[in-house]
Amino acid sequence: MLNLKKFLKYRDTRPEFDEIKEAGRVGLPCIVIDGEKIIFDVKEILTLL
C-alpha cells in the first residue's frame, strides 16, 4: 500500500503526468529515479533493469 500511495502522490502532483491524466491513462509503467526523474518509455525502463 505504501508504494501505491507514493505513486499516487507523484501522479497527482508532478507535471510529467498531466498529459497522461488528460488522456485518461494511469501512468504505468513508469519508474521514478531518486524522486526526480520519471521515465515512461518501457524500452528505457528495461535498460535500467
Protein backbone atom coordinates (compact mmCIF):
# COMPACT_ATOMS: atom_id res chain seq x y z
CA MET A 1 0.00 0.00 0.00
CA LEU A 2 2.88 2.35 0.75
CA ASN A 3 4.20 2.10 -2.83
CA LEU A 4 0.75 2.85 -4.24
CA LYS A 5 0.45 5.94 -2.05
CA LYS A 6 3.89 7.14 -3.18
CA PHE A 7 2.96 6.63 -6.83
CA LEU A 8 -0.34 8.47 -6.46
CA LYS A 9 1.43 11.42 -4.86
CA TYR A 10 3.78 11.66 -7.86
CA ARG A 11 0.92 11.21 -10.32
CA ASP A 12 -1.23 13.85 -8.69
CA THR A 13 1.48 16.49 -8.21
CA ARG A 14 4.08 16.15 -10.97
CA PRO A 15 3.58 17.92 -14.34
CA GLU A 16 5.04 14.91 -16.18
CA PHE A 17 1.72 13.15 -15.58
CA ASP A 18 -0.55 15.95 -16.84
CA GLU A 19 -0.77 14.69 -20.42
CA ILE A 20 -1.26 11.12 -19.23
CA LYS A 21 -4.10 12.09 -16.89
CA GLU A 22 -5.77 14.19 -19.62
CA ALA A 23 -5.76 11.11 -21.85
CA GLY A 24 -7.48 9.11 -19.11
CA ARG A 25 -4.47 6.86 -18.57
CA VAL A 26 -2.95 5.84 -15.24
CA GLY A 27 0.72 6.50 -15.94
CA LEU A 28 2.06 2.98 -15.69
CA PRO A 29 4.56 1.70 -16.47
CA CYS A 30 6.86 4.32 -15.11
CA ILE A 31 9.89 4.44 -12.90
CA VAL A 32 10.90 7.25 -10.57
CA ILE A 33 14.62 7.69 -10.04
CA ASP A 34 15.80 9.46 -6.90
CA GLY A 35 12.44 11.21 -6.63
CA GLU A 36 13.43 13.45 -9.55
CA LYS A 37 13.46 11.74 -12.94
CA ILE A 38 10.34 9.95 -14.18
CA ILE A 39 10.65 7.57 -17.14
CA PHE A 40 7.62 6.28 -19.06
CA ASP A 41 9.34 4.62 -22.04
CA VAL A 42 9.25 0.84 -21.48
CA LYS A 43 12.40 0.28 -23.54
CA GLU A 44 14.30 2.83 -21.45
CA ILE A 45 12.98 1.26 -18.25
CA LEU A 46 14.13 -2.18 -19.37
CA THR A 47 17.66 -0.91 -19.99
CA LEU A 48 17.84 0.06 -16.32
CA LEU A 49 16.99 -3.43 -15.06
